[in-house]
C-alpha atoms as a PDB file:
ATOM      1  CA  MET A   1     154.115   9.163  96.955  1.00  0.00           C
ATOM      2  CA  ASN A   2     157.117  11.122  98.219  1.00  0.00           C
ATOM      3  CA  SER A   3     157.834  12.369  94.714  1.00  0.00           C
ATOM      4  CA  TRP A   4     154.275  13.595  94.393  1.00  0.00           C
ATOM      5  CA  ILE A   5     154.409  15.328  97.787  1.00  0.00           C
ATOM      6  CA  ARG A   6     157.687  17.047  96.837  1.00  0.00           C
ATOM      7  CA  GLN A   7     156.137  18.325  93.657  1.00  0.00           C
ATOM      8  CA  SER A   8     152.979  19.503  95.391  1.00  0.00           C
ATOM      9  CA  VAL A   9     154.977  21.347  98.163  1.00  0.00           C
ATOM     10  CA  LYS A  10     157.064  22.923  95.417  1.00  0.00           C
ATOM     11  CA  ARG A  11     153.968  24.148  93.506  1.00  0.00           C
ATOM     12  CA  ILE A  12     152.464  25.710  96.676  1.00  0.00           C
ATOM     13  CA  GLU A  13     155.731  27.381  97.627  1.00  0.00           C
ATOM     14  CA  ALA A  14     156.163  28.748  94.103  1.00  0.00           C
ATOM     15  CA  ASP A  15     152.712  30.251  94.296  1.00  0.00           C
ATOM     16  CA  ALA A  16     153.697  32.030  97.522  1.00  0.00           C
ATOM     17  CA  HIS A  17     156.877  33.440  95.901  1.00  0.00           C
ATOM     18  CA  ARG A  18     154.785  34.758  93.009  1.00  0.00           C
ATOM     19  CA  SER A  19     152.554  36.686  95.435  1.00  0.00           C
ATOM     20  CA  ALA A  20     153.562  40.093  96.857  1.00  0.00           C
ATOM     21  CA  ASP A  21     152.659  40.862 100.438  1.00  0.00           C
ATOM     22  CA  THR A  22     149.295  42.480 101.078  1.00  0.00           C
ATOM     23  CA  HIS A  23     149.090  46.253 101.642  1.00  0.00           C
ATOM     24  CA  LEU A  24     148.807  47.977 104.985  1.00  0.00           C
ATOM     25  CA  PHE A  25     147.181  51.413 104.672  1.00  0.00           C
ATOM     26  CA  LYS A  26     146.377  54.173 107.104  1.00  0.00           C
ATOM     27  CA  LEU A  27     142.737  55.291 107.428  1.00  0.00           C
ATOM     28  CA  ASN A  28     141.993  58.948 107.079  1.00  0.00           C
ATOM     29  CA  VAL A  29     139.600  59.452 109.914  1.00  0.00           C
ATOM     30  CA  PRO A  30     139.402  63.190 110.778  1.00  0.00           C
ATOM     31  CA  LYS A  31     138.203  62.769 114.432  1.00  0.00           C
ATOM     32  CA  LEU A  32     141.214  60.600 115.371  1.00  0.00           C
ATOM     33  CA  LYS A  33     143.650  62.627 117.495  1.00  0.00           C
ATOM     34  CA  ASP A  34     147.175  61.174 118.251  1.00  0.00           C
ATOM     35  CA  VAL A  35     145.811  57.686 117.343  1.00  0.00           C
ATOM     36  CA  ASN A  36     146.363  56.139 113.957  1.00  0.00           C
ATOM     37  CA  ILE A  37     144.289  53.224 112.541  1.00  0.00           C
ATOM     38  CA  TYR A  38     145.700  50.910 109.863  1.00  0.00           C
ATOM     39  CA  LEU A  39     143.938  48.309 107.761  1.00  0.00           C
ATOM     40  CA  LYS A  40     145.928  45.255 106.610  1.00  0.00           C
ATOM     41  CA  ASP A  41     144.195  44.480 103.320  1.00  0.00           C
ATOM     42  CA  GLU A  42     143.994  40.684 102.939  1.00  0.00           C
ATOM     43  CA  SER A  43     141.498  40.931 100.080  1.00  0.00           C
ATOM     44  CA  THR A  44     144.289  41.254  97.537  1.00  0.00           C
ATOM     45  CA  HIS A  45     145.466  37.555  97.881  1.00  0.00           C
ATOM     46  CA  PRO A  46     144.985  35.400  94.758  1.00  0.00           C
ATOM     47  CA  THR A  47     141.819  33.959  96.254  1.00  0.00           C
ATOM     48  CA  GLY A  48     140.619  37.306  97.737  1.00  0.00           C
ATOM     49  CA  SER A  49     140.754  36.811 101.491  1.00  0.00           C
ATOM     50  CA  LEU A  50     142.834  36.312 104.638  1.00  0.00           C
ATOM     51  CA  LYS A  51     141.964  32.579 104.328  1.00  0.00           C
ATOM     52  CA  HIS A  52     144.444  32.233 101.484  1.00  0.00           C
ATOM     53  CA  ARG A  53     147.251  32.227 104.124  1.00  0.00           C
ATOM     54  CA  LEU A  54     145.446  29.611 106.192  1.00  0.00           C
ATOM     55  CA  ALA A  55     144.671  27.389 103.229  1.00  0.00           C
ATOM     56  CA  ARG A  56     148.310  27.346 102.121  1.00  0.00           C
ATOM     57  CA  SER A  57     149.446  26.456 105.643  1.00  0.00           C
ATOM     58  CA  LEU A  58     146.816  23.693 105.981  1.00  0.00           C
ATOM     59  CA  PHE A  59     147.850  22.117 102.700  1.00  0.00           C
ATOM     60  CA  LEU A  60     151.512  22.159 103.559  1.00  0.00           C
ATOM     61  CA  TYR A  61     150.736  20.805 107.038  1.00  0.00           C
ATOM     62  CA  ALA A  62     148.688  17.901 105.632  1.00  0.00           C
ATOM     63  CA  LEU A  63     151.158  17.156 102.839  1.00  0.00           C
ATOM     64  CA  CYS A  64     154.175  17.127 105.193  1.00  0.00           C
ATOM     65  CA  ASN A  65     152.322  14.919 107.658  1.00  0.00           C
ATOM     66  CA  GLY A  66     151.637  12.347 104.886  1.00  0.00           C
ATOM     67  CA  LYS A  67     147.873  12.841 105.048  1.00  0.00           C
ATOM     68  CA  ILE A  68     147.268  13.593 101.346  1.00  0.00           C
ATOM     69  CA  SER A  69     148.118  11.465  98.270  1.00  0.00           C
ATOM     70  CA  GLU A  70     147.432  12.229  94.618  1.00  0.00           C
ATOM     71  CA  GLU A  71     144.153  10.258  94.919  1.00  0.00           C
ATOM     72  CA  THR A  72     142.847  11.894  98.129  1.00  0.00           C
ATOM     73  CA  THR A  73     139.680  13.872  98.090  1.00  0.00           C
ATOM     74  CA  ILE A  74     139.927  16.913 100.411  1.00  0.00           C
ATOM     75  CA  ILE A  75     136.916  17.772 102.582  1.00  0.00           C
ATOM     76  CA  GLU A  76     136.511  21.033 104.441  1.00  0.00           C
ATOM     77  CA  ALA A  77     133.857  22.570 106.687  1.00  0.00           C
ATOM     78  CA  SER A  78     133.635  26.198 105.669  1.00  0.00           C
ATOM     79  CA  SER A  79     131.151  29.053 105.280  1.00  0.00           C
ATOM     80  CA  GLY A  80     132.979  30.185 102.168  1.00  0.00           C
ATOM     81  CA  SER A  81     136.357  31.952 102.125  1.00  0.00           C
ATOM     82  CA  THR A  82     138.418  29.046 103.406  1.00  0.00           C
ATOM     83  CA  ALA A  83     136.702  26.758 100.969  1.00  0.00           C
ATOM     84  CA  VAL A  84     137.465  29.112  98.105  1.00  0.00           C
ATOM     85  CA  SER A  85     141.208  29.196  98.946  1.00  0.00           C
ATOM     86  CA  GLU A  86     141.396  25.415  99.604  1.00  0.00           C
ATOM     87  CA  ALA A  87     139.680  24.755  96.275  1.00  0.00           C
ATOM     88  CA  TYR A  88     142.384  26.884  94.589  1.00  0.00           C
ATOM     89  CA  PHE A  89     145.219  24.863  96.215  1.00  0.00           C
ATOM     90  CA  ALA A  90     143.485  21.549  95.634  1.00  0.00           C
ATOM     91  CA  ARG A  91     143.304  22.276  91.909  1.00  0.00           C
ATOM     92  CA  MET A  92     146.989  23.384  91.965  1.00  0.00           C
ATOM     93  CA  ILE A  93     148.103  19.966  93.196  1.00  0.00           C
ATOM     94  CA  GLY A  94     145.447  18.027  91.243  1.00  0.00           C
ATOM     95  CA  VAL A  95     143.206  16.563  93.976  1.00  0.00           C
ATOM     96  CA  PRO A  96     139.370  16.722  94.276  1.00  0.00           C
ATOM     97  CA  PHE A  97     137.861  19.076  96.749  1.00  0.00           C
ATOM     98  CA  ILE A  98     134.443  19.258  98.513  1.00  0.00           C
ATOM     99  CA  ALA A  99     133.275  22.088 100.749  1.00  0.00           C
ATOM    100  CA  VAL A 100     130.652  21.392 103.442  1.00  0.00           C
ATOM    101  CA  MET A 101     128.840  24.636 104.011  1.00  0.00           C
ATOM    102  CA  PRO A 102     125.478  26.193 105.112  1.00  0.00           C
ATOM    103  CA  LYS A 103     122.854  26.593 102.386  1.00  0.00           C
ATOM    104  CA  ARG A 104     122.758  30.382 102.999  1.00  0.00           C
ATOM    105  CA  THR A 105     126.460  30.906 102.017  1.00  0.00           C
ATOM    106  CA  ALA A 106     126.830  33.802  99.541  1.00  0.00           C
ATOM    107  CA  GLN A 107     126.343  32.666  95.945  1.00  0.00           C
ATOM    108  CA  SER A 108     129.486  34.459  94.817  1.00  0.00           C
ATOM    109  CA  LYS A 109     131.574  32.200  97.083  1.00  0.00           C
ATOM    110  CA  ILE A 110     129.858  29.046  95.833  1.00  0.00           C
ATOM    111  CA  LYS A 111     130.604  30.135  92.250  1.00  0.00           C
ATOM    112  CA  GLN A 112     134.267  30.725  93.115  1.00  0.00           C
ATOM    113  CA  ILE A 113     134.597  27.318  94.654  1.00  0.00           C
ATOM    114  CA  GLU A 114     133.157  25.750  91.546  1.00  0.00           C
ATOM    115  CA  LEU A 115     135.385  27.965  89.310  1.00  0.00           C
ATOM    116  CA  TYR A 116     138.389  26.291  90.966  1.00  0.00           C
ATOM    117  CA  GLY A 117     136.919  22.864  90.336  1.00  0.00           C
ATOM    118  CA  GLY A 118     135.473  22.274  93.846  1.00  0.00           C
ATOM    119  CA  GLN A 119     132.118  20.895  94.744  1.00  0.00           C
ATOM    120  CA  CYS A 120     129.712  22.212  97.378  1.00  0.00           C
ATOM    121  CA  HIS A 121     127.872  19.939  99.859  1.00  0.00           C
ATOM    122  CA  PHE A 122     125.221  21.810 101.771  1.00  0.00           C
ATOM    123  CA  VAL A 123     123.912  21.523 105.318  1.00  0.00           C
ATOM    124  CA  ASP A 124     121.137  23.561 107.061  1.00  0.00           C
ATOM    125  CA  SER A 125     123.336  25.426 109.498  1.00  0.00           C
ATOM    126  CA  ALA A 126     126.909  25.996 110.607  1.00  0.00           C
ATOM    127  CA  THR A 127     126.325  23.730 113.629  1.00  0.00           C
ATOM    128  CA  GLN A 128     126.104  20.702 111.284  1.00  0.00           C
ATOM    129  CA  MET A 129     129.270  21.289 109.229  1.00  0.00           C
ATOM    130  CA  HIS A 130     131.842  19.421 111.311  1.00  0.00           C
ATOM    131  CA  ASP A 131     129.891  16.136 111.839  1.00  0.00           C
ATOM    132  CA  GLU A 132     128.787  16.057 108.220  1.00  0.00           C
ATOM    133  CA  SER A 133     132.410  16.652 107.060  1.00  0.00           C
ATOM    134  CA  VAL A 134     133.549  13.744 109.222  1.00  0.00           C
ATOM    135  CA  ARG A 135     130.835  11.509 107.907  1.00  0.00           C
ATOM    136  CA  LEU A 136     131.436  12.468 104.298  1.00  0.00           C
ATOM    137  CA  ALA A 137     135.224  11.953 104.587  1.00  0.00           C
ATOM    138  CA  GLU A 138     134.723   8.487 106.082  1.00  0.00           C
ATOM    139  CA  SER A 139     132.158   7.463 103.523  1.00  0.00           C
ATOM    140  CA  ILE A 140     134.424   8.260 100.504  1.00  0.00           C
ATOM    141  CA  GLY A 141     137.795   7.684 102.064  1.00  0.00           C
ATOM    142  CA  GLY A 142     138.707  11.343 101.929  1.00  0.00           C
ATOM    143  CA  TYR A 143     140.717  13.592 104.220  1.00  0.00           C
ATOM    144  CA  PHE A 144     138.916  16.140 106.418  1.00  0.00           C
ATOM    145  CA  MET A 145     141.231  19.209 106.492  1.00  0.00           C
ATOM    146  CA  ASP A 146     139.477  20.518 109.635  1.00  0.00           C
ATOM    147  CA  GLN A 147     140.487  24.200 109.740  1.00  0.00           C
ATOM    148  CA  PHE A 148     138.898  24.594 113.160  1.00  0.00           C
ATOM    149  CA  THR A 149     141.290  22.115 114.711  1.00  0.00           C
ATOM    150  CA  TYR A 150     144.504  22.617 112.739  1.00  0.00           C
ATOM    151  CA  ALA A 151     144.545  26.393 112.012  1.00  0.00           C
ATOM    152  CA  GLU A 152     146.562  27.315 115.102  1.00  0.00           C
ATOM    153  CA  ARG A 153     149.222  24.603 114.590  1.00  0.00           C
ATOM    154  CA  ALA A 154     149.509  24.665 110.816  1.00  0.00           C
ATOM    155  CA  THR A 155     150.918  28.241 110.739  1.00  0.00           C
ATOM    156  CA  ASP A 156     154.467  28.934 111.790  1.00  0.00           C
ATOM    157  CA  TRP A 157     153.779  31.580 114.418  1.00  0.00           C
ATOM    158  CA  ARG A 158     157.429  32.471 114.876  1.00  0.00           C
ATOM    159  CA  GLY A 159     157.683  34.082 111.453  1.00  0.00           C
ATOM    160  CA  ASN A 160     158.108  32.785 107.900  1.00  0.00           C
ATOM    161  CA  ASN A 161     156.180  35.824 106.641  1.00  0.00           C
ATOM    162  CA  ASN A 162     153.070  34.993 108.602  1.00  0.00           C
ATOM    163  CA  ILE A 163     150.504  37.809 109.042  1.00  0.00           C
ATOM    164  CA  ALA A 164     151.961  38.980 112.359  1.00  0.00           C
ATOM    165  CA  GLU A 165     155.486  39.241 111.046  1.00  0.00           C
ATOM    166  CA  SER A 166     154.176  41.086 108.049  1.00  0.00           C
ATOM    167  CA  ILE A 167     152.265  43.596 110.114  1.00  0.00           C
ATOM    168  CA  PHE A 168     155.206  44.512 112.376  1.00  0.00           C
ATOM    169  CA  ARG A 169     157.551  44.748 109.385  1.00  0.00           C
ATOM    170  CA  GLN A 170     155.205  47.079 107.516  1.00  0.00           C
ATOM    171  CA  MET A 171     154.755  49.299 110.520  1.00  0.00           C
ATOM    172  CA  GLU A 172     158.489  49.945 110.963  1.00  0.00           C
ATOM    173  CA  TYR A 173     158.510  53.469 109.454  1.00  0.00           C
ATOM    174  CA  GLU A 174     155.234  54.611 111.051  1.00  0.00           C
ATOM    175  CA  PRO A 175     155.176  57.353 113.787  1.00  0.00           C
ATOM    176  CA  HIS A 176     154.027  54.725 116.338  1.00  0.00           C
ATOM    177  CA  CYS A 177     155.883  51.816 114.813  1.00  0.00           C
ATOM    178  CA  VAL A 178     154.994  49.151 117.428  1.00  0.00           C
ATOM    179  CA  PRO A 179     151.183  48.887 117.440  1.00  0.00           C
ATOM    180  CA  THR A 180     149.552  49.763 120.653  1.00  0.00           C
ATOM    181  CA  LYS A 181     146.693  47.403 119.834  1.00  0.00           C
ATOM    182  CA  ILE A 182     145.946  44.832 117.200  1.00  0.00           C
ATOM    183  CA  VAL A 183     142.241  44.119 116.789  1.00  0.00           C
ATOM    184  CA  MET A 184     141.187  40.775 115.217  1.00  0.00           C
ATOM    185  CA  SER A 185     138.001  38.772 114.952  1.00  0.00           C
ATOM    186  CA  ALA A 186     137.914  34.967 115.424  1.00  0.00           C
ATOM    187  CA  GLY A 187     136.625  32.342 113.030  1.00  0.00           C
ATOM    188  CA  THR A 188     138.860  29.300 113.654  1.00  0.00           C
ATOM    189  CA  GLY A 189     140.894  31.258 116.195  1.00  0.00           C
ATOM    190  CA  GLY A 190     144.034  30.519 114.200  1.00  0.00           C
ATOM    191  CA  THR A 191     144.936  34.044 113.219  1.00  0.00           C
ATOM    192  CA  SER A 192     144.505  35.424 116.726  1.00  0.00           C
ATOM    193  CA  ALA A 193     146.683  32.575 118.012  1.00  0.00           C
ATOM    194  CA  THR A 194     149.430  33.465 115.508  1.00  0.00           C
ATOM    195  CA  LEU A 195     149.215  37.167 116.404  1.00  0.00           C
ATOM    196  CA  GLY A 196     149.221  36.546 120.117  1.00  0.00           C
ATOM    197  CA  ARG A 197     152.077  34.057 120.030  1.00  0.00           C
ATOM    198  CA  TYR A 198     154.213  36.278 117.827  1.00  0.00           C
ATOM    199  CA  ILE A 199     153.670  39.271 120.100  1.00  0.00           C
ATOM    200  CA  LEU A 200     154.851  37.263 123.080  1.00  0.00           C
ATOM    201  CA  TYR A 201     157.696  35.587 121.137  1.00  0.00           C
ATOM    202  CA  LYS A 202     159.092  39.041 120.078  1.00  0.00           C
ATOM    203  CA  GLY A 203     158.322  40.765 123.357  1.00  0.00           C
ATOM    204  CA  TYR A 204     156.318  43.553 121.866  1.00  0.00           C
ATOM    205  CA  ASP A 205     154.319  45.883 124.124  1.00  0.00           C
ATOM    206  CA  THR A 206     151.141  45.299 121.998  1.00  0.00           C
ATOM    207  CA  GLU A 207     147.748  44.375 123.302  1.00  0.00           C
ATOM    208  CA  LEU A 208     145.754  41.809 121.260  1.00  0.00           C
ATOM    209  CA  VAL A 209     142.026  42.569 121.318  1.00  0.00           C
ATOM    210  CA  VAL A 210     139.844  39.898 119.782  1.00  0.00           C
ATOM    211  CA  VAL A 211     136.266  40.934 118.696  1.00  0.00           C
ATOM    212  CA  ASP A 212     133.394  38.477 118.475  1.00  0.00           C
ATOM    213  CA  PRO A 213     130.038  38.815 116.661  1.00  0.00           C
ATOM    214  CA  GLU A 214     126.619  37.839 117.914  1.00  0.00           C
ATOM    215  CA  ASN A 215     125.695  34.157 117.784  1.00  0.00           C
ATOM    216  CA  SER A 216     129.218  33.075 118.726  1.00  0.00           C
ATOM    217  CA  VAL A 217     130.536  31.580 121.935  1.00  0.00           C
ATOM    218  CA  PHE A 218     134.157  32.671 121.847  1.00  0.00           C
ATOM    219  CA  TYR A 219     133.520  35.823 123.903  1.00  0.00           C
ATOM    220  CA  ASP A 220     131.497  34.022 126.573  1.00  0.00           C
ATOM    221  CA  SER A 221     134.071  31.229 126.778  1.00  0.00           C
ATOM    222  CA  TYR A 222     136.877  33.713 127.248  1.00  0.00           C
ATOM    223  CA  MET A 223     135.023  35.629 129.971  1.00  0.00           C
ATOM    224  CA  SER A 224     133.931  32.454 131.847  1.00  0.00           C
ATOM    225  CA  GLY A 225     136.834  30.111 131.106  1.00  0.00           C
ATOM    226  CA  ASP A 226     134.294  27.445 130.030  1.00  0.00           C
ATOM    227  CA  ARG A 227     135.381  25.782 126.721  1.00  0.00           C
ATOM    228  CA  ASP A 228     132.238  23.588 126.668  1.00  0.00           C
ATOM    229  CA  ILE A 229     129.798  26.378 125.867  1.00  0.00           C
ATOM    230  CA  LYS A 230     127.609  25.664 122.791  1.00  0.00           C
ATOM    231  CA  ILE A 231     124.708  27.419 121.075  1.00  0.00           C
ATOM    232  CA  ASP A 232     122.334  26.246 118.412  1.00  0.00           C
ATOM    233  CA  LYS A 233     122.704  29.320 116.231  1.00  0.00           C
ATOM    234  CA  SER A 234     124.880  30.379 113.314  1.00  0.00           C
ATOM    235  CA  SER A 235     126.793  33.638 113.032  1.00  0.00           C
ATOM    236  CA  ARG A 236     125.293  36.118 110.640  1.00  0.00           C
ATOM    237  CA  ILE A 237     128.702  37.590 109.946  1.00  0.00           C
ATOM    238  CA  GLU A 238     130.255  35.229 107.468  1.00  0.00           C
ATOM    239  CA  GLY A 239     133.681  33.873 108.226  1.00  0.00           C
ATOM    240  CA  ILE A 240     133.768  34.601 111.967  1.00  0.00           C
ATOM    241  CA  GLY A 241     131.945  33.443 115.098  1.00  0.00           C
ATOM    242  CA  ARG A 242     131.268  29.877 115.989  1.00  0.00           C
ATOM    243  CA  PRO A 243     128.553  27.945 117.878  1.00  0.00           C
ATOM    244  CA  LYS A 244     131.155  26.079 119.816  1.00  0.00           C
ATOM    245  CA  VAL A 245     134.694  26.696 121.097  1.00  0.00           C
ATOM    246  CA  GLU A 246     137.076  25.380 118.401  1.00  0.00           C
ATOM    247  CA  LEU A 247     140.372  23.770 119.343  1.00  0.00           C
ATOM    248  CA  SER A 248     142.321  26.468 117.445  1.00  0.00           C
ATOM    249  CA  PHE A 249     140.967  29.215 119.703  1.00  0.00           C
ATOM    250  CA  GLN A 250     143.772  30.029 122.196  1.00  0.00           C
ATOM    251  CA  PRO A 251     142.481  32.380 124.928  1.00  0.00           C
ATOM    252  CA  ASP A 252     145.725  32.521 126.864  1.00  0.00           C
ATOM    253  CA  VAL A 253     147.463  34.664 124.185  1.00  0.00           C
ATOM    254  CA  ILE A 254     144.564  37.184 124.066  1.00  0.00           C
ATOM    255  CA  ASN A 255     144.655  40.276 126.251  1.00  0.00           C
ATOM    256  CA  ARG A 256     140.981  41.326 125.900  1.00  0.00           C
ATOM    257  CA  MET A 257     137.811  40.418 124.049  1.00  0.00           C
ATOM    258  CA  MET A 258     134.849  42.541 122.932  1.00  0.00           C
ATOM    259  CA  LYS A 259     131.334  41.523 121.783  1.00  0.00           C
ATOM    260  CA  ILE A 260     130.234  43.405 118.686  1.00  0.00           C
ATOM    261  CA  ASN A 261     126.595  43.810 117.582  1.00  0.00           C
ATOM    262  CA  ASP A 262     125.864  42.634 114.053  1.00  0.00           C
ATOM    263  CA  THR A 263     124.261  45.942 113.195  1.00  0.00           C
ATOM    264  CA  ALA A 264     127.523  47.667 113.969  1.00  0.00           C
ATOM    265  CA  SER A 265     129.484  45.212 111.923  1.00  0.00           C
ATOM    266  CA  VAL A 266     127.309  45.748 108.824  1.00  0.00           C
ATOM    267  CA  ALA A 267     126.932  49.523 109.298  1.00  0.00           C
ATOM    268  CA  THR A 268     130.749  49.887 109.595  1.00  0.00           C
ATOM    269  CA  ILE A 269     131.424  48.420 106.143  1.00  0.00           C
ATOM    270  CA  LEU A 270     128.836  50.657 104.577  1.00  0.00           C
ATOM    271  CA  TRP A 271     130.597  53.644 106.294  1.00  0.00           C
ATOM    272  CA  LEU A 272     134.037  52.304 105.320  1.00  0.00           C
ATOM    273  CA  GLU A 273     132.975  52.315 101.625  1.00  0.00           C
ATOM    274  CA  LYS A 274     132.286  56.095 101.954  1.00  0.00           C
ATOM    275  CA  LEU A 275     135.730  56.571 103.511  1.00  0.00           C
ATOM    276  CA  ILE A 276     137.882  54.540 101.059  1.00  0.00           C
ATOM    277  CA  GLY A 277     135.637  53.847  98.052  1.00  0.00           C
ATOM    278  CA  ARG A 278     135.858  50.150  98.414  1.00  0.00           C
ATOM    279  CA  LYS A 279     133.569  47.372  99.722  1.00  0.00           C
ATOM    280  CA  ALA A 280     134.648  44.959 102.451  1.00  0.00           C
ATOM    281  CA  GLY A 281     133.081  41.883 103.981  1.00  0.00           C
ATOM    282  CA  ALA A 282     131.165  42.174 107.196  1.00  0.00           C
ATOM    283  CA  SER A 283     133.918  40.642 109.309  1.00  0.00           C
ATOM    284  CA  THR A 284     136.022  43.705 108.422  1.00  0.00           C
ATOM    285  CA  GLY A 285     133.194  45.755 109.956  1.00  0.00           C
ATOM    286  CA  THR A 286     133.444  43.765 113.185  1.00  0.00           C
ATOM    287  CA  ASN A 287     137.202  44.423 113.270  1.00  0.00           C
ATOM    288  CA  LEU A 288     136.980  48.137 112.421  1.00  0.00           C
ATOM    289  CA  TRP A 289     134.121  48.849 114.862  1.00  0.00           C
ATOM    290  CA  GLY A 290     136.260  47.290 117.603  1.00  0.00           C
ATOM    291  CA  ALA A 291     139.244  49.317 116.450  1.00  0.00           C
ATOM    292  CA  LEU A 292     137.183  52.549 116.582  1.00  0.00           C
ATOM    293  CA  LYS A 293     135.934  51.730 120.109  1.00  0.00           C
ATOM    294  CA  VAL A 294     139.570  51.046 121.229  1.00  0.00           C
ATOM    295  CA  ALA A 295     140.668  54.400 119.591  1.00  0.00           C
ATOM    296  CA  GLU A 296     137.885  56.166 121.414  1.00  0.00           C
ATOM    297  CA  GLU A 297     139.168  54.767 124.798  1.00  0.00           C
ATOM    298  CA  MET A 298     142.739  55.704 123.977  1.00  0.00           C
ATOM    299  CA  MET A 299     141.818  59.278 123.103  1.00  0.00           C
ATOM    300  CA  ARG A 300     139.669  59.585 126.239  1.00  0.00           C
ATOM    301  CA  ASN A 301     142.673  58.404 128.325  1.00  0.00           C
ATOM    302  CA  GLY A 302     145.081  60.771 126.544  1.00  0.00           C
ATOM    303  CA  GLN A 303     147.016  57.931 125.002  1.00  0.00           C
ATOM    304  CA  LYS A 304     148.968  58.148 121.714  1.00  0.00           C
ATOM    305  CA  GLY A 305     149.608  55.201 119.475  1.00  0.00           C
ATOM    306  CA  SER A 306     148.588  53.008 116.573  1.00  0.00           C
ATOM    307  CA  ILE A 307     145.942  50.374 116.029  1.00  0.00           C
ATOM    308  CA  VAL A 308     146.113  47.748 113.332  1.00  0.00           C
ATOM    309  CA  THR A 309     143.176  45.657 112.212  1.00  0.00           C
ATOM    310  CA  LEU A 310     142.338  43.516 109.113  1.00  0.00           C
ATOM    311  CA  MET A 311     140.284  43.873 105.990  1.00  0.00           C
ATOM    312  CA  CYS A 312     139.501  40.189 105.724  1.00  0.00           C
ATOM    313  CA  ASP A 313     137.930  40.007 102.222  1.00  0.00           C
ATOM    314  CA  SER A 314     136.252  42.051  99.528  1.00  0.00           C
ATOM    315  CA  GLY A 315     132.593  43.159  99.838  1.00  0.00           C
ATOM    316  CA  GLU A 316     132.026  42.192  96.176  1.00  0.00           C
ATOM    317  CA  ARG A 317     131.285  38.725  97.486  1.00  0.00           C
ATOM    318  CA  TYR A 318     128.317  40.035  99.449  1.00  0.00           C
ATOM    319  CA  LEU A 319     126.425  42.248  96.975  1.00  0.00           C
ATOM    320  CA  ASP A 320     123.329  40.114  97.450  1.00  0.00           C
ATOM    321  CA  THR A 321     123.477  40.227 101.246  1.00  0.00           C
ATOM    322  CA  TYR A 322     125.357  42.914 103.281  1.00  0.00           C
ATOM    323  CA  TYR A 323     125.088  45.413 100.426  1.00  0.00           C
ATOM    324  CA  ASN A 324     121.480  44.653  99.693  1.00  0.00           C
ATOM    325  CA  PRO A 325     119.394  47.077 101.881  1.00  0.00           C
ATOM    326  CA  GLY A 326     116.290  44.731 101.783  1.00  0.00           C
ATOM    327  CA  TRP A 327     118.365  41.792 102.965  1.00  0.00           C
ATOM    328  CA  VAL A 328     120.022  43.846 105.630  1.00  0.00           C
ATOM    329  CA  ALA A 329     116.693  45.175 106.949  1.00  0.00           C
ATOM    330  CA  GLU A 330     115.273  41.665 107.064  1.00  0.00           C
ATOM    331  CA  ASN A 331     118.256  39.738 108.461  1.00  0.00           C
ATOM    332  CA  ILE A 332     120.323  42.269 110.426  1.00  0.00           C
ATOM    333  CA  GLY A 333     118.063  45.169 111.377  1.00  0.00           C
ATOM    334  CA  ASP A 334     118.104  48.952 111.243  1.00  0.00           C
ATOM    335  CA  VAL A 335     121.723  50.117 110.722  1.00  0.00           C
ATOM    336  CA  GLN A 336     120.952  53.833 110.304  1.00  0.00           C
ATOM    337  CA  PRO A 337     121.535  54.808 113.981  1.00  0.00           C
ATOM    338  CA  ILE A 338     124.973  53.281 113.838  1.00  0.00           C
ATOM    339  CA  LEU A 339     125.702  54.951 110.507  1.00  0.00           C
ATOM    340  CA  ASP A 340     124.813  58.248 112.093  1.00  0.00           C
ATOM    341  CA  GLU A 341     127.174  57.553 115.020  1.00  0.00           C
ATOM    342  CA  LEU A 342     130.006  56.559 112.626  1.00  0.00           C
ATOM    343  CA  ASP A 343     129.576  59.822 110.640  1.00  0.00           C
ATOM    344  CA  GLY A 344     130.688  61.561 113.710  1.00  0.00           C
ATOM    345  CA  TRP A 345     134.146  60.218 113.130  1.00  0.00           C
ATOM    346  CA  LEU A 346     134.383  62.277 109.957  1.00  0.00           C
ATOM    347  CA  GLU A 347     134.283  65.521 111.994  1.00  0.00           C
ATOM    348  CA  SER A 348     137.612  67.087 112.864  1.00  0.00           C
ATOM    349  CA  PRO A 349     138.526  66.871 116.585  1.00  0.00           C
ATOM    350  CA  SER A 350     138.037  70.032 118.594  1.00  0.00           C
ATOM    351  CA  SER A 351     141.318  71.778 119.506  1.00  0.00           C
END
C-alpha cells in the first residue's frame, strides 16, 4: 500500500509542477478612481475552476492520512466543480469516483465528471448531499472525501503556493501592492479560511470580506455567532452558499461579511462579459459585485488602494442556465435594473 501511495502522491505533485500559476489581471473600469480591482482567474486550471486547488489538497490529505488504497471508491458531495476536479485526480491515481449532487446541476459539469471516468449519483437538493454521501460510502465500503469538513485543514495555509501566497506574490509590482481588501465567496469556507489565516500569518494590513448569496446561512451565522442555523433551501448560485454552517467555515479569520442578491450575482457576470469578452460562473458575479460595492465605499471615503477577488470558473459551463435569458427570468428574476446600475461603472469619474 505504501508503494502505491508514494506513486499516487508523485503523480499528483507532478501534475502540479506541469501547471503554471493562474493569471491575475486588472479590470479596466472607467469609474474607478484611485482604487484598482483585480481578478484572479482560477478558470485556467486543468479542470477549469478554483476547486482544482482544493481537490489536489484533499487527495494528498487523504492519501497521506492512509484513507485511500488502490481499491477505494471515492465519494464526494458536490454541486459540480469540486466533483469535476476530484474525478480528474481519481482517474490520475486509478480509483473509482462517485459524485453525489443535486439533479439540477449544470449538464456540462455532469458531462465533464463522466469524461474523467466518474459517476454521478443524484439527490433532489443540496440539503441531502451529505447524508446520502455517508450512506453510499458505508454501503459500498468507499471513502467520503467530505470537502465541507476537510477543506480548511487539507490546504497548507502558510504557503506552498496556495491561493493566498499566489495573490500576494503577483501583486508585488502593482501601485498598491498589498491589497486593501480581498473579496471572496464561501462554498466550503476553505478558501476564505486559507486567505484569512495567511493574512494573519504574514501580518498584512488587508481586510478579508466574505460575500454570501441568497439561500445560504454563512452570513446569518457570522452576524449572530450561531453555528447551528439551518435552512431547507439550496443556493441558486452554483458552487457557493450552504444550507448549514460547514465545519470548514472559519468566521474568526473574516473581517466582514456581505449578503449579495442573486439578481446582482447573475447580472454582474453578464456585465463582466461586456467588459472583458469572457463568460464567468455566477459565483464570480457574487465576488465582483461585492468588490464593486467595497470600491464604492472606498472612493466615497477618499481611500486609495487595491481590491482582489476571484474568477472561480468559466461561464461556458452555464450556457443553459445563467446565460440563458429564459432560465434567468424564470429562476433568478429581472436582472435589467442591476445591469443598468452596473453600466454606470463604465462612465469616467467626474474630475
